[in-house]
């Protein structure tokens, strides 16, 4: 079920979902195994470690905008910068257990269960809840 969005945006989100065109850019701090798991789930996912290791946050945001990729990160700075760069979406992990196993588990759950809420939003994710903030 899509949230209350204008009809045109609902159609675009629905089409992206049907075509499997949700694409991800996984930040270095989140780990390459998260990106590999998304690939296993048949998503187009790239890790910053693979394509632009050591890049500044602004460079990562520019790539995400250019390639229409949702950023997955643990870095709160992306939430602050989102208003300037307007990436397609951000999944911001705020986890107590930052083990790679937990990150993979949480991201897999969020992408499969909240896929329709990702575009146009920052999803702030902890083990206990998911908050949504519009990218303005």
C-alpha atoms as a PDB file:
ATOM      1  CA  UNK A   1       0.000   0.000   0.000  1.00  0.00           C
ATOM      2  CA  UNK A   2       1.432   3.355  -1.018  1.00  0.00           C
ATOM      3  CA  UNK A   3       1.250   6.247   1.449  1.00  0.00           C
ATOM      4  CA  UNK A   4      -0.845   9.348   0.709  1.00  0.00           C
ATOM      5  CA  UNK A   5       1.067  10.853  -2.194  1.00  0.00           C
ATOM      6  CA  UNK A   6      -0.024  12.735  -5.290  1.00  0.00           C
ATOM      7  CA  UNK A   7      -1.366  10.333  -7.944  1.00  0.00           C
ATOM      8  CA  UNK A   8       1.529  10.941 -10.374  1.00  0.00           C
ATOM      9  CA  UNK A   9       4.134  10.157  -7.700  1.00  0.00           C
ATOM     10  CA  UNK A  10       2.189   7.023  -6.661  1.00  0.00           C
ATOM     11  CA  UNK A  11       2.268   5.816 -10.265  1.00  0.00           C
ATOM     12  CA  UNK A  12       6.018   6.443 -10.590  1.00  0.00           C
ATOM     13  CA  UNK A  13       6.765   4.686  -7.298  1.00  0.00           C
ATOM     14  CA  UNK A  14       4.542   1.787  -8.290  1.00  0.00           C
ATOM     15  CA  UNK A  15       6.276   1.458 -11.659  1.00  0.00           C
ATOM     16  CA  UNK A  16       9.732   1.592 -10.061  1.00  0.00           C
ATOM     17  CA  UNK A  17       8.706  -1.133  -7.631  1.00  0.00           C
ATOM     18  CA  UNK A  18       7.252  -3.346 -10.382  1.00  0.00           C
ATOM     19  CA  UNK A  19      10.331  -2.969 -12.542  1.00  0.00           C
ATOM     20  CA  UNK A  20      12.665  -3.645  -9.645  1.00  0.00           C
ATOM     21  CA  UNK A  21      14.379  -0.342 -10.332  1.00  0.00           C
ATOM     22  CA  UNK A  22      15.012   0.569  -6.727  1.00  0.00           C
ATOM     23  CA  UNK A  23      18.785   1.125  -6.770  1.00  0.00           C
ATOM     24  CA  UNK A  24      21.114   1.489  -3.796  1.00  0.00           C
ATOM     25  CA  UNK A  25      24.452   3.069  -2.948  1.00  0.00           C
ATOM     26  CA  UNK A  26      25.836   1.604   0.279  1.00  0.00           C
ATOM     27  CA  UNK A  27      28.192   3.850   2.239  1.00  0.00           C
ATOM     28  CA  UNK A  28      31.607   2.578   3.379  1.00  0.00           C
ATOM     29  CA  UNK A  29      30.644   2.733   7.062  1.00  0.00           C
ATOM     30  CA  UNK A  30      27.718   0.400   6.414  1.00  0.00           C
ATOM     31  CA  UNK A  31      29.795  -2.324   4.786  1.00  0.00           C
ATOM     32  CA  UNK A  32      30.120  -4.118   1.495  1.00  0.00           C
ATOM     33  CA  UNK A  33      28.204  -7.178   2.740  1.00  0.00           C
ATOM     34  CA  UNK A  34      25.013  -5.094   2.882  1.00  0.00           C
ATOM     35  CA  UNK A  35      25.430  -4.300  -0.809  1.00  0.00           C
ATOM     36  CA  UNK A  36      26.152  -7.953  -1.611  1.00  0.00           C
ATOM     37  CA  UNK A  37      22.977  -9.039   0.214  1.00  0.00           C
ATOM     38  CA  UNK A  38      20.908  -6.535  -1.772  1.00  0.00           C
ATOM     39  CA  UNK A  39      22.396  -7.967  -4.974  1.00  0.00           C
ATOM     40  CA  UNK A  40      21.356 -11.445  -3.807  1.00  0.00           C
ATOM     41  CA  UNK A  41      17.835 -10.037  -3.381  1.00  0.00           C
ATOM     42  CA  UNK A  42      18.036  -8.931  -7.045  1.00  0.00           C
ATOM     43  CA  UNK A  43      18.465  -5.206  -6.391  1.00  0.00           C
ATOM     44  CA  UNK A  44      20.925  -3.006  -8.245  1.00  0.00           C
ATOM     45  CA  UNK A  45      23.355  -2.160  -5.453  1.00  0.00           C
ATOM     46  CA  UNK A  46      26.819  -0.629  -5.408  1.00  0.00           C
ATOM     47  CA  UNK A  47      29.107  -0.184  -2.434  1.00  0.00           C
ATOM     48  CA  UNK A  48      31.109   3.014  -2.089  1.00  0.00           C
ATOM     49  CA  UNK A  49      34.035   0.714  -1.266  1.00  0.00           C
ATOM     50  CA  UNK A  50      33.795  -0.700  -4.810  1.00  0.00           C
ATOM     51  CA  UNK A  51      33.403   2.481  -6.808  1.00  0.00           C
ATOM     52  CA  UNK A  52      34.701   5.472  -4.866  1.00  0.00           C
ATOM     53  CA  UNK A  53      36.522   4.416  -1.711  1.00  0.00           C
ATOM     54  CA  UNK A  54      37.374   7.336   0.564  1.00  0.00           C
ATOM     55  CA  UNK A  55      34.936   9.714  -1.152  1.00  0.00           C
ATOM     56  CA  UNK A  56      33.529  12.716   0.694  1.00  0.00           C
ATOM     57  CA  UNK A  57      29.832  12.721   1.608  1.00  0.00           C
ATOM     58  CA  UNK A  58      29.083  15.362  -1.037  1.00  0.00           C
ATOM     59  CA  UNK A  59      30.631  13.199  -3.780  1.00  0.00           C
ATOM     60  CA  UNK A  60      28.546  10.229  -2.659  1.00  0.00           C
ATOM     61  CA  UNK A  61      25.380  12.340  -2.726  1.00  0.00           C
ATOM     62  CA  UNK A  62      26.179  13.621  -6.229  1.00  0.00           C
ATOM     63  CA  UNK A  63      26.599  10.048  -7.480  1.00  0.00           C
ATOM     64  CA  UNK A  64      23.356   8.970  -5.796  1.00  0.00           C
ATOM     65  CA  UNK A  65      21.476  11.813  -7.499  1.00  0.00           C
ATOM     66  CA  UNK A  66      23.112  11.188 -10.889  1.00  0.00           C
ATOM     67  CA  UNK A  67      22.390   7.440 -10.836  1.00  0.00           C
ATOM     68  CA  UNK A  68      19.084   7.728  -8.917  1.00  0.00           C
ATOM     69  CA  UNK A  69      20.314   5.547  -6.050  1.00  0.00           C
ATOM     70  CA  UNK A  70      19.033   5.394  -2.496  1.00  0.00           C
ATOM     71  CA  UNK A  71      21.866   5.860   0.002  1.00  0.00           C
ATOM     72  CA  UNK A  72      22.233   3.390   2.864  1.00  0.00           C
ATOM     73  CA  UNK A  73      24.454   4.731   5.635  1.00  0.00           C
ATOM     74  CA  UNK A  74      25.187   4.994   9.356  1.00  0.00           C
ATOM     75  CA  UNK A  75      26.428   8.585   8.917  1.00  0.00           C
ATOM     76  CA  UNK A  76      24.003  11.236  10.253  1.00  0.00           C
ATOM     77  CA  UNK A  77      25.618  13.912   8.060  1.00  0.00           C
ATOM     78  CA  UNK A  78      23.692  12.541   5.076  1.00  0.00           C
ATOM     79  CA  UNK A  79      20.422  13.506   6.738  1.00  0.00           C
ATOM     80  CA  UNK A  80      21.672  17.077   7.121  1.00  0.00           C
ATOM     81  CA  UNK A  81      22.942  17.245   3.513  1.00  0.00           C
ATOM     82  CA  UNK A  82      19.855  15.640   1.944  1.00  0.00           C
ATOM     83  CA  UNK A  83      17.997  18.947   1.691  1.00  0.00           C
ATOM     84  CA  UNK A  84      20.757  20.430  -0.477  1.00  0.00           C
ATOM     85  CA  UNK A  85      21.356  17.469  -2.792  1.00  0.00           C
ATOM     86  CA  UNK A  86      17.885  15.836  -2.891  1.00  0.00           C
ATOM     87  CA  UNK A  87      18.896  12.172  -3.293  1.00  0.00           C
ATOM     88  CA  UNK A  88      16.114   9.712  -4.217  1.00  0.00           C
ATOM     89  CA  UNK A  89      16.077   8.451  -0.624  1.00  0.00           C
ATOM     90  CA  UNK A  90      18.219   7.633   2.385  1.00  0.00           C
ATOM     91  CA  UNK A  91      18.137   4.708   4.789  1.00  0.00           C
ATOM     92  CA  UNK A  92      19.931   5.962   7.904  1.00  0.00           C
ATOM     93  CA  UNK A  93      20.882   3.153  10.267  1.00  0.00           C
ATOM     94  CA  UNK A  94      20.958   4.100  13.966  1.00  0.00           C
ATOM     95  CA  UNK A  95      21.652   0.662  15.413  1.00  0.00           C
ATOM     96  CA  UNK A  96      22.823  -0.348  18.888  1.00  0.00           C
ATOM     97  CA  UNK A  97      24.243  -3.573  17.438  1.00  0.00           C
ATOM     98  CA  UNK A  98      26.422  -2.405  14.557  1.00  0.00           C
ATOM     99  CA  UNK A  99      27.617  -5.882  13.621  1.00  0.00           C
ATOM    100  CA  UNK A 100      27.509  -6.615   9.909  1.00  0.00           C
ATOM    101  CA  UNK A 101      25.103  -9.492  10.542  1.00  0.00           C
ATOM    102  CA  UNK A 102      22.632  -7.104  12.175  1.00  0.00           C
ATOM    103  CA  UNK A 103      23.042  -4.466   9.453  1.00  0.00           C
ATOM    104  CA  UNK A 104      22.355  -7.058   6.741  1.00  0.00           C
ATOM    105  CA  UNK A 105      19.304  -8.352   8.624  1.00  0.00           C
ATOM    106  CA  UNK A 106      17.850  -4.892   9.257  1.00  0.00           C
ATOM    107  CA  UNK A 107      18.449  -3.558   5.727  1.00  0.00           C
ATOM    108  CA  UNK A 108      16.958  -6.697   4.155  1.00  0.00           C
ATOM    109  CA  UNK A 109      13.852  -6.268   6.319  1.00  0.00           C
ATOM    110  CA  UNK A 110      13.489  -2.539   5.595  1.00  0.00           C
ATOM    111  CA  UNK A 111      13.903  -2.899   1.834  1.00  0.00           C
ATOM    112  CA  UNK A 112      11.456  -5.787   1.569  1.00  0.00           C
ATOM    113  CA  UNK A 113       8.867  -4.374   3.985  1.00  0.00           C
ATOM    114  CA  UNK A 114       9.100  -0.600   3.488  1.00  0.00           C
ATOM    115  CA  UNK A 115      10.203  -0.329  -0.149  1.00  0.00           C
ATOM    116  CA  UNK A 116       7.290   1.933  -1.048  1.00  0.00           C
ATOM    117  CA  UNK A 117       8.246   4.441   1.655  1.00  0.00           C
ATOM    118  CA  UNK A 118      11.924   4.826   0.690  1.00  0.00           C
ATOM    119  CA  UNK A 119      11.784   7.164  -2.313  1.00  0.00           C
ATOM    120  CA  UNK A 120      11.566  10.818  -1.348  1.00  0.00           C
ATOM    121  CA  UNK A 121      12.238  10.093   2.304  1.00  0.00           C
ATOM    122  CA  UNK A 122      14.879   9.528   4.921  1.00  0.00           C
ATOM    123  CA  UNK A 123      14.114   6.347   6.835  1.00  0.00           C
ATOM    124  CA  UNK A 124      15.761   6.478  10.246  1.00  0.00           C
ATOM    125  CA  UNK A 125      16.045   2.870  11.310  1.00  0.00           C
ATOM    126  CA  UNK A 126      16.795   1.310  14.685  1.00  0.00           C
ATOM    127  CA  UNK A 127      16.169  -2.184  15.967  1.00  0.00           C
ATOM    128  CA  UNK A 128      12.960  -0.974  17.620  1.00  0.00           C
ATOM    129  CA  UNK A 129      11.401   1.469  15.149  1.00  0.00           C
ATOM    130  CA  UNK A 130      11.494   3.165  11.789  1.00  0.00           C
ATOM    131  CA  UNK A 131      10.881   6.896  11.495  1.00  0.00           C
ATOM    132  CA  UNK A 132      10.220   8.621   8.183  1.00  0.00           C
ATOM    133  CA  UNK A 133      11.251  12.158   7.331  1.00  0.00           C
ATOM    134  CA  UNK A 134      10.532  13.834   3.986  1.00  0.00           C
ATOM    135  CA  UNK A 135      13.494  15.071   1.984  1.00  0.00           C
ATOM    136  CA  UNK A 136      12.692  18.764   1.541  1.00  0.00           C
END
